[in-house]
All heavy atoms as atom14 arrays in JSON, in Angstrom:
{
  "sequence": "LFAKSLVLGLAVAAPVGPIGALCINRTLE",
  "atom14_mask": [
    [1, 1, 1, 1, 1, 1, 1, 1, 0, 0, 0, 0, 0, 0],
    [1, 1, 1, 1, 1, 1, 1, 1, 1, 1, 1, 0, 0, 0],
    [1, 1, 1, 1, 1, 0, 0, 0, 0, 0, 0, 0, 0, 0],
    [1, 1, 1, 1, 1, 1, 1, 1, 1, 0, 0, 0, 0, 0],
    [1, 1, 1, 1, 1, 1, 0, 0, 0, 0, 0, 0, 0, 0],
    [1, 1, 1, 1, 1, 1, 1, 1, 0, 0, 0, 0, 0, 0],
    [1, 1, 1, 1, 1, 1, 1, 0, 0, 0, 0, 0, 0, 0],
    [1, 1, 1, 1, 1, 1, 1, 1, 0, 0, 0, 0, 0, 0],
    [1, 1, 1, 1, 0, 0, 0, 0, 0, 0, 0, 0, 0, 0],
    [1, 1, 1, 1, 1, 1, 1, 1, 0, 0, 0, 0, 0, 0],
    [1, 1, 1, 1, 1, 0, 0, 0, 0, 0, 0, 0, 0, 0],
    [1, 1, 1, 1, 1, 1, 1, 0, 0, 0, 0, 0, 0, 0],
    [1, 1, 1, 1, 1, 0, 0, 0, 0, 0, 0, 0, 0, 0],
    [1, 1, 1, 1, 1, 0, 0, 0, 0, 0, 0, 0, 0, 0],
    [1, 1, 1, 1, 1, 1, 1, 0, 0, 0, 0, 0, 0, 0],
    [1, 1, 1, 1, 1, 1, 1, 0, 0, 0, 0, 0, 0, 0],
    [1, 1, 1, 1, 0, 0, 0, 0, 0, 0, 0, 0, 0, 0],
    [1, 1, 1, 1, 1, 1, 1, 0, 0, 0, 0, 0, 0, 0],
    [1, 1, 1, 1, 1, 1, 1, 1, 0, 0, 0, 0, 0, 0],
    [1, 1, 1, 1, 0, 0, 0, 0, 0, 0, 0, 0, 0, 0],
    [1, 1, 1, 1, 1, 0, 0, 0, 0, 0, 0, 0, 0, 0],
    [1, 1, 1, 1, 1, 1, 1, 1, 0, 0, 0, 0, 0, 0],
    [1, 1, 1, 1, 1, 1, 0, 0, 0, 0, 0, 0, 0, 0],
    [1, 1, 1, 1, 1, 1, 1, 1, 0, 0, 0, 0, 0, 0],
    [1, 1, 1, 1, 1, 1, 1, 1, 0, 0, 0, 0, 0, 0],
    [1, 1, 1, 1, 1, 1, 1, 1, 1, 1, 1, 0, 0, 0],
    [1, 1, 1, 1, 1, 1, 1, 0, 0, 0, 0, 0, 0, 0],
    [1, 1, 1, 1, 1, 1, 1, 1, 0, 0, 0, 0, 0, 0],
    [1, 1, 1, 1, 1, 1, 1, 1, 1, 0, 0, 0, 0, 0]
  ],
  "atom14_positions": [
    [[-91.58, -56.06, 60.02], [-90.8, -55.82, 58.82], [-89.71, -54.79, 59.07], [-88.56, -54.95, 58.64], [-91.71, -55.35, 57.69], [-91.04, -55.1, 56.32], [-90.43, -56.38, 55.78], [-92.05, -54.53, 55.34], [0.0, 0.0, 0.0], [0.0, 0.0, 0.0], [0.0, 0.0, 0.0], [0.0, 0.0, 0.0], [0.0, 0.0, 0.0], [0.0, 0.0, 0.0]],
    [[-90.06, -53.73, 59.81], [-89.08, -52.7, 60.13], [-87.97, -53.26, 61.01], [-86.78, -52.95, 60.81], [-89.77, -51.53, 60.84], [-88.82, -50.43, 61.25], [-88.32, -49.53, 60.3], [-88.42, -50.3, 62.57], [-87.45, -48.53, 60.67], [-87.55, -49.29, 62.95], [-87.06, -48.41, 61.99], [0.0, 0.0, 0.0], [0.0, 0.0, 0.0], [0.0, 0.0, 0.0]],
    [[-88.34, -54.09, 62.0], [-87.36, -54.68, 62.91], [-86.39, -55.59, 62.14], [-85.17, -55.55, 62.37], [-88.05, -55.47, 64.01], [0.0, 0.0, 0.0], [0.0, 0.0, 0.0], [0.0, 0.0, 0.0], [0.0, 0.0, 0.0], [0.0, 0.0, 0.0], [0.0, 0.0, 0.0], [0.0, 0.0, 0.0], [0.0, 0.0, 0.0], [0.0, 0.0, 0.0]],
    [[-86.92, -56.39, 61.22], [-86.06, -57.26, 60.41], [-85.09, -56.43, 59.57], [-83.92, -56.76, 59.43], [-86.91, -58.13, 59.5], [-87.62, -59.28, 60.19], [-88.37, -60.12, 59.16], [-89.03, -61.32, 59.79], [-89.75, -62.14, 58.78], [0.0, 0.0, 0.0], [0.0, 0.0, 0.0], [0.0, 0.0, 0.0], [0.0, 0.0, 0.0], [0.0, 0.0, 0.0]],
    [[-85.61, -55.34, 59.0], [-84.78, -54.48, 58.16], [-83.7, -53.79, 58.99], [-82.57, -53.62, 58.53], [-85.66, -53.43, 57.47], [-86.69, -54.05, 56.74], [0.0, 0.0, 0.0], [0.0, 0.0, 0.0], [0.0, 0.0, 0.0], [0.0, 0.0, 0.0], [0.0, 0.0, 0.0], [0.0, 0.0, 0.0], [0.0, 0.0, 0.0], [0.0, 0.0, 0.0]],
    [[-84.05, -53.39, 60.21], [-83.08, -52.77, 61.11], [-81.95, -53.75, 61.44], [-80.77, -53.39, 61.43], [-83.79, -52.32, 62.39], [-83.04, -51.33, 63.29], [-83.0, -49.96, 62.64], [-83.73, -51.23, 64.66], [0.0, 0.0, 0.0], [0.0, 0.0, 0.0], [0.0, 0.0, 0.0], [0.0, 0.0, 0.0], [0.0, 0.0, 0.0], [0.0, 0.0, 0.0]],
    [[-82.33, -55.0, 61.71], [-81.34, -56.04, 62.0], [-80.44, -56.26, 60.78], [-79.22, -56.43, 60.91], [-82.04, -57.35, 62.39], [-81.04, -58.51, 62.43], [-82.72, -57.2, 63.75], [0.0, 0.0, 0.0], [0.0, 0.0, 0.0], [0.0, 0.0, 0.0], [0.0, 0.0, 0.0], [0.0, 0.0, 0.0], [0.0, 0.0, 0.0], [0.0, 0.0, 0.0]],
    [[-81.04, -56.25, 59.59], [-80.25, -56.43, 58.37], [-79.23, -55.31, 58.22], [-78.06, -55.55, 57.89], [-81.17, -56.47, 57.15], [-80.48, -56.54, 55.78], [-79.61, -57.8, 55.68], [-81.51, -56.53, 54.66], [0.0, 0.0, 0.0], [0.0, 0.0, 0.0], [0.0, 0.0, 0.0], [0.0, 0.0, 0.0], [0.0, 0.0, 0.0], [0.0, 0.0, 0.0]],
    [[-79.66, -54.07, 58.44], [-78.75, -52.93, 58.35], [-77.59, -53.06, 59.33], [-76.43, -52.79, 58.98], [0.0, 0.0, 0.0], [0.0, 0.0, 0.0], [0.0, 0.0, 0.0], [0.0, 0.0, 0.0], [0.0, 0.0, 0.0], [0.0, 0.0, 0.0], [0.0, 0.0, 0.0], [0.0, 0.0, 0.0], [0.0, 0.0, 0.0], [0.0, 0.0, 0.0]],
    [[-77.89, -53.48, 60.56], [-76.84, -53.67, 61.56], [-75.9, -54.81, 61.16], [-74.67, -54.69, 61.28], [-77.48, -53.99, 62.92], [-77.98, -52.82, 63.75], [-78.86, -53.31, 64.89], [-76.8, -52.03, 64.32], [0.0, 0.0, 0.0], [0.0, 0.0, 0.0], [0.0, 0.0, 0.0], [0.0, 0.0, 0.0], [0.0, 0.0, 0.0], [0.0, 0.0, 0.0]],
    [[-76.49, -55.91, 60.69], [-75.69, -57.09, 60.37], [-74.75, -56.84, 59.2], [-73.61, -57.32, 59.2], [-76.62, -58.26, 60.04], [0.0, 0.0, 0.0], [0.0, 0.0, 0.0], [0.0, 0.0, 0.0], [0.0, 0.0, 0.0], [0.0, 0.0, 0.0], [0.0, 0.0, 0.0], [0.0, 0.0, 0.0], [0.0, 0.0, 0.0], [0.0, 0.0, 0.0]],
    [[-75.2, -56.09, 58.21], [-74.35, -55.8, 57.06], [-73.23, -54.84, 57.43], [-72.09, -54.97, 56.97], [-75.19, -55.21, 55.9], [-74.3, -54.69, 54.79], [-76.13, -56.28, 55.35], [0.0, 0.0, 0.0], [0.0, 0.0, 0.0], [0.0, 0.0, 0.0], [0.0, 0.0, 0.0], [0.0, 0.0, 0.0], [0.0, 0.0, 0.0], [0.0, 0.0, 0.0]],
    [[-73.52, -53.88, 58.31], [-72.54, -52.85, 58.66], [-71.52, -53.31, 59.7], [-70.37, -52.87, 59.68], [-73.26, -51.6, 59.17], [0.0, 0.0, 0.0], [0.0, 0.0, 0.0], [0.0, 0.0, 0.0], [0.0, 0.0, 0.0], [0.0, 0.0, 0.0], [0.0, 0.0, 0.0], [0.0, 0.0, 0.0], [0.0, 0.0, 0.0], [0.0, 0.0, 0.0]],
    [[-71.93, -54.21, 60.6], [-71.13, -54.51, 61.79], [-69.79, -55.19, 61.53], [-68.8, -54.85, 62.19], [-71.96, -55.34, 62.78], [0.0, 0.0, 0.0], [0.0, 0.0, 0.0], [0.0, 0.0, 0.0], [0.0, 0.0, 0.0], [0.0, 0.0, 0.0], [0.0, 0.0, 0.0], [0.0, 0.0, 0.0], [0.0, 0.0, 0.0], [0.0, 0.0, 0.0]],
    [[-69.68, -56.16, 60.62], [-68.36, -56.81, 60.44], [-67.27, -55.78, 60.12], [-67.43, -54.94, 59.23], [-68.59, -57.75, 59.25], [-70.05, -58.02, 59.28], [-70.69, -56.73, 59.72], [0.0, 0.0, 0.0], [0.0, 0.0, 0.0], [0.0, 0.0, 0.0], [0.0, 0.0, 0.0], [0.0, 0.0, 0.0], [0.0, 0.0, 0.0], [0.0, 0.0, 0.0]],
    [[-66.15, -55.85, 60.84], [-65.07, -54.88, 60.65], [-64.19, -55.34, 59.49], [-63.17, -56.0, 59.68], [-64.25, -54.71, 61.94], [-63.16, -53.66, 61.73], [-65.14, -54.32, 63.1], [0.0, 0.0, 0.0], [0.0, 0.0, 0.0], [0.0, 0.0, 0.0], [0.0, 0.0, 0.0], [0.0, 0.0, 0.0], [0.0, 0.0, 0.0], [0.0, 0.0, 0.0]],
    [[-64.62, -55.0, 58.29], [-63.85, -55.27, 57.08], [-63.15, -54.0, 56.62], [-62.79, -53.14, 57.45], [0.0, 0.0, 0.0], [0.0, 0.0, 0.0], [0.0, 0.0, 0.0], [0.0, 0.0, 0.0], [0.0, 0.0, 0.0], [0.0, 0.0, 0.0], [0.0, 0.0, 0.0], [0.0, 0.0, 0.0], [0.0, 0.0, 0.0], [0.0, 0.0, 0.0]],
    [[-62.97, -53.83, 55.33], [-62.26, -52.65, 54.83], [-62.97, -51.34, 55.14], [-62.32, -50.34, 55.44], [-62.21, -52.9, 53.31], [-63.28, -53.9, 53.03], [-63.36, -54.76, 54.24], [0.0, 0.0, 0.0], [0.0, 0.0, 0.0], [0.0, 0.0, 0.0], [0.0, 0.0, 0.0], [0.0, 0.0, 0.0], [0.0, 0.0, 0.0], [0.0, 0.0, 0.0]],
    [[-64.3, -51.35, 55.1], [-65.04, -50.11, 55.37], [-64.96, -49.76, 56.85], [-64.79, -48.6, 57.22], [-66.5, -50.24, 54.9], [-66.54, -50.54, 53.41], [-67.29, -48.97, 55.21], [-67.9, -50.93, 52.88], [0.0, 0.0, 0.0], [0.0, 0.0, 0.0], [0.0, 0.0, 0.0], [0.0, 0.0, 0.0], [0.0, 0.0, 0.0], [0.0, 0.0, 0.0]],
    [[-65.08, -50.77, 57.7], [-64.96, -50.52, 59.13], [-63.58, -49.99, 59.5], [-63.45, -49.07, 60.3], [0.0, 0.0, 0.0], [0.0, 0.0, 0.0], [0.0, 0.0, 0.0], [0.0, 0.0, 0.0], [0.0, 0.0, 0.0], [0.0, 0.0, 0.0], [0.0, 0.0, 0.0], [0.0, 0.0, 0.0], [0.0, 0.0, 0.0], [0.0, 0.0, 0.0]],
    [[-62.54, -50.59, 58.89], [-61.17, -50.13, 59.15], [-61.0, -48.68, 58.72], [-60.37, -47.87, 59.4], [-60.18, -51.02, 58.42], [0.0, 0.0, 0.0], [0.0, 0.0, 0.0], [0.0, 0.0, 0.0], [0.0, 0.0, 0.0], [0.0, 0.0, 0.0], [0.0, 0.0, 0.0], [0.0, 0.0, 0.0], [0.0, 0.0, 0.0], [0.0, 0.0, 0.0]],
    [[-61.58, -48.35, 57.56], [-61.48, -46.98, 57.06], [-62.22, -46.0, 57.97], [-61.72, -44.9, 58.25], [-62.07, -46.91, 55.64], [-61.92, -45.58, 54.9], [-60.45, -45.27, 54.66], [-62.67, -45.63, 53.58], [0.0, 0.0, 0.0], [0.0, 0.0, 0.0], [0.0, 0.0, 0.0], [0.0, 0.0, 0.0], [0.0, 0.0, 0.0], [0.0, 0.0, 0.0]],
    [[-63.38, -46.4, 58.47], [-64.16, -45.54, 59.36], [-63.43, -45.28, 60.66], [-63.39, -44.15, 61.16], [-65.52, -46.18, 59.63], [-66.62, -45.17, 60.67], [0.0, 0.0, 0.0], [0.0, 0.0, 0.0], [0.0, 0.0, 0.0], [0.0, 0.0, 0.0], [0.0, 0.0, 0.0], [0.0, 0.0, 0.0], [0.0, 0.0, 0.0], [0.0, 0.0, 0.0]],
    [[-62.83, -46.32, 61.22], [-62.06, -46.17, 62.46], [-60.88, -45.23, 62.24], [-60.59, -44.35, 63.06], [-61.57, -47.55, 62.95], [-62.76, -48.39, 63.42], [-60.55, -47.39, 64.09], [-62.4, -49.83, 63.73], [0.0, 0.0, 0.0], [0.0, 0.0, 0.0], [0.0, 0.0, 0.0], [0.0, 0.0, 0.0], [0.0, 0.0, 0.0], [0.0, 0.0, 0.0]],
    [[-60.21, -45.41, 61.1], [-59.06, -44.56, 60.79], [-59.48, -43.11, 60.64], [-58.82, -42.2, 61.15], [-58.41, -45.06, 59.49], [-57.12, -44.35, 59.18], [-56.37, -43.98, 60.08], [-56.87, -44.11, 57.91], [0.0, 0.0, 0.0], [0.0, 0.0, 0.0], [0.0, 0.0, 0.0], [0.0, 0.0, 0.0], [0.0, 0.0, 0.0], [0.0, 0.0, 0.0]],
    [[-60.57, -42.85, 59.93], [-61.05, -41.49, 59.73], [-61.44, -40.85, 61.06], [-61.21, -39.66, 61.28], [-62.26, -41.48, 58.79], [-61.93, -41.81, 57.34], [-61.11, -40.7, 56.69], [-60.91, -40.95, 55.27], [-59.9, -41.62, 54.77], [-58.98, -42.14, 55.57], [-59.78, -41.78, 53.45], [0.0, 0.0, 0.0], [0.0, 0.0, 0.0], [0.0, 0.0, 0.0]],
    [[-62.04, -41.63, 61.95], [-62.44, -41.1, 63.25], [-61.23, -40.68, 64.07], [-61.22, -39.62, 64.7], [-63.26, -42.14, 64.04], [-64.39, -42.53, 63.26], [-63.75, -41.56, 65.36], [0.0, 0.0, 0.0], [0.0, 0.0, 0.0], [0.0, 0.0, 0.0], [0.0, 0.0, 0.0], [0.0, 0.0, 0.0], [0.0, 0.0, 0.0], [0.0, 0.0, 0.0]],
    [[-60.19, -41.52, 64.07], [-58.98, -41.19, 64.82], [-58.25, -39.99, 64.22], [-57.69, -39.17, 64.94], [-58.05, -42.4, 64.86], [-58.48, -43.55, 65.78], [-57.58, -44.76, 65.56], [-58.46, -43.12, 67.23], [0.0, 0.0, 0.0], [0.0, 0.0, 0.0], [0.0, 0.0, 0.0], [0.0, 0.0, 0.0], [0.0, 0.0, 0.0], [0.0, 0.0, 0.0]],
    [[-58.27, -39.9, 62.89], [-57.56, -38.81, 62.22], [-58.31, -37.48, 62.32], [-57.7, -36.44, 62.57], [-57.37, -39.13, 60.74], [-56.3, -40.16, 60.45], [-56.13, -40.37, 58.95], [-56.92, -39.81, 58.17], [-55.2, -41.09, 58.56], [0.0, 0.0, 0.0], [0.0, 0.0, 0.0], [0.0, 0.0, 0.0], [0.0, 0.0, 0.0], [0.0, 0.0, 0.0]]
  ]
}
Protein backbone atom coordinates (compact mmCIF):
# COMPACT_ATOMS: atom_id res chain seq x y z
CA LEU A 1 0.00 0.00 0.00
CA PHE A 2 2.84 2.37 0.84
CA ALA A 3 4.63 1.56 -2.44
CA LYS A 4 1.46 2.24 -4.46
CA SER A 5 0.96 5.53 -2.63
CA LEU A 6 4.59 6.51 -3.26
CA VAL A 7 4.14 5.82 -6.97
CA LEU A 8 0.95 7.90 -6.96
CA GLY A 9 2.76 10.83 -5.36
CA LEU A 10 5.53 10.62 -7.97
CA ALA A 11 3.09 10.23 -10.86
CA VAL A 12 0.99 13.24 -9.86
CA ALA A 13 4.02 15.48 -9.29
CA ALA A 14 6.22 14.46 -12.24
CA PRO A 15 4.41 15.93 -15.29
CA VAL A 16 5.98 19.34 -16.02
CA GLY A 17 2.87 21.50 -16.10
CA PRO A 18 2.33 24.94 -14.58
CA ILE A 19 3.54 23.91 -11.13
CA GLY A 20 6.66 22.25 -12.50
CA ALA A 21 7.44 25.33 -14.60
CA LEU A 22 7.00 27.53 -11.55
CA CYS A 23 9.26 25.31 -9.43
CA ILE A 24 12.01 25.35 -12.06
CA ASN A 25 11.74 29.12 -12.32
CA ARG A 26 11.93 29.59 -8.54
CA THR A 27 14.97 27.33 -8.34
CA LEU A 28 16.84 29.28 -11.01
CA GLU A 29 15.86 32.63 -9.47
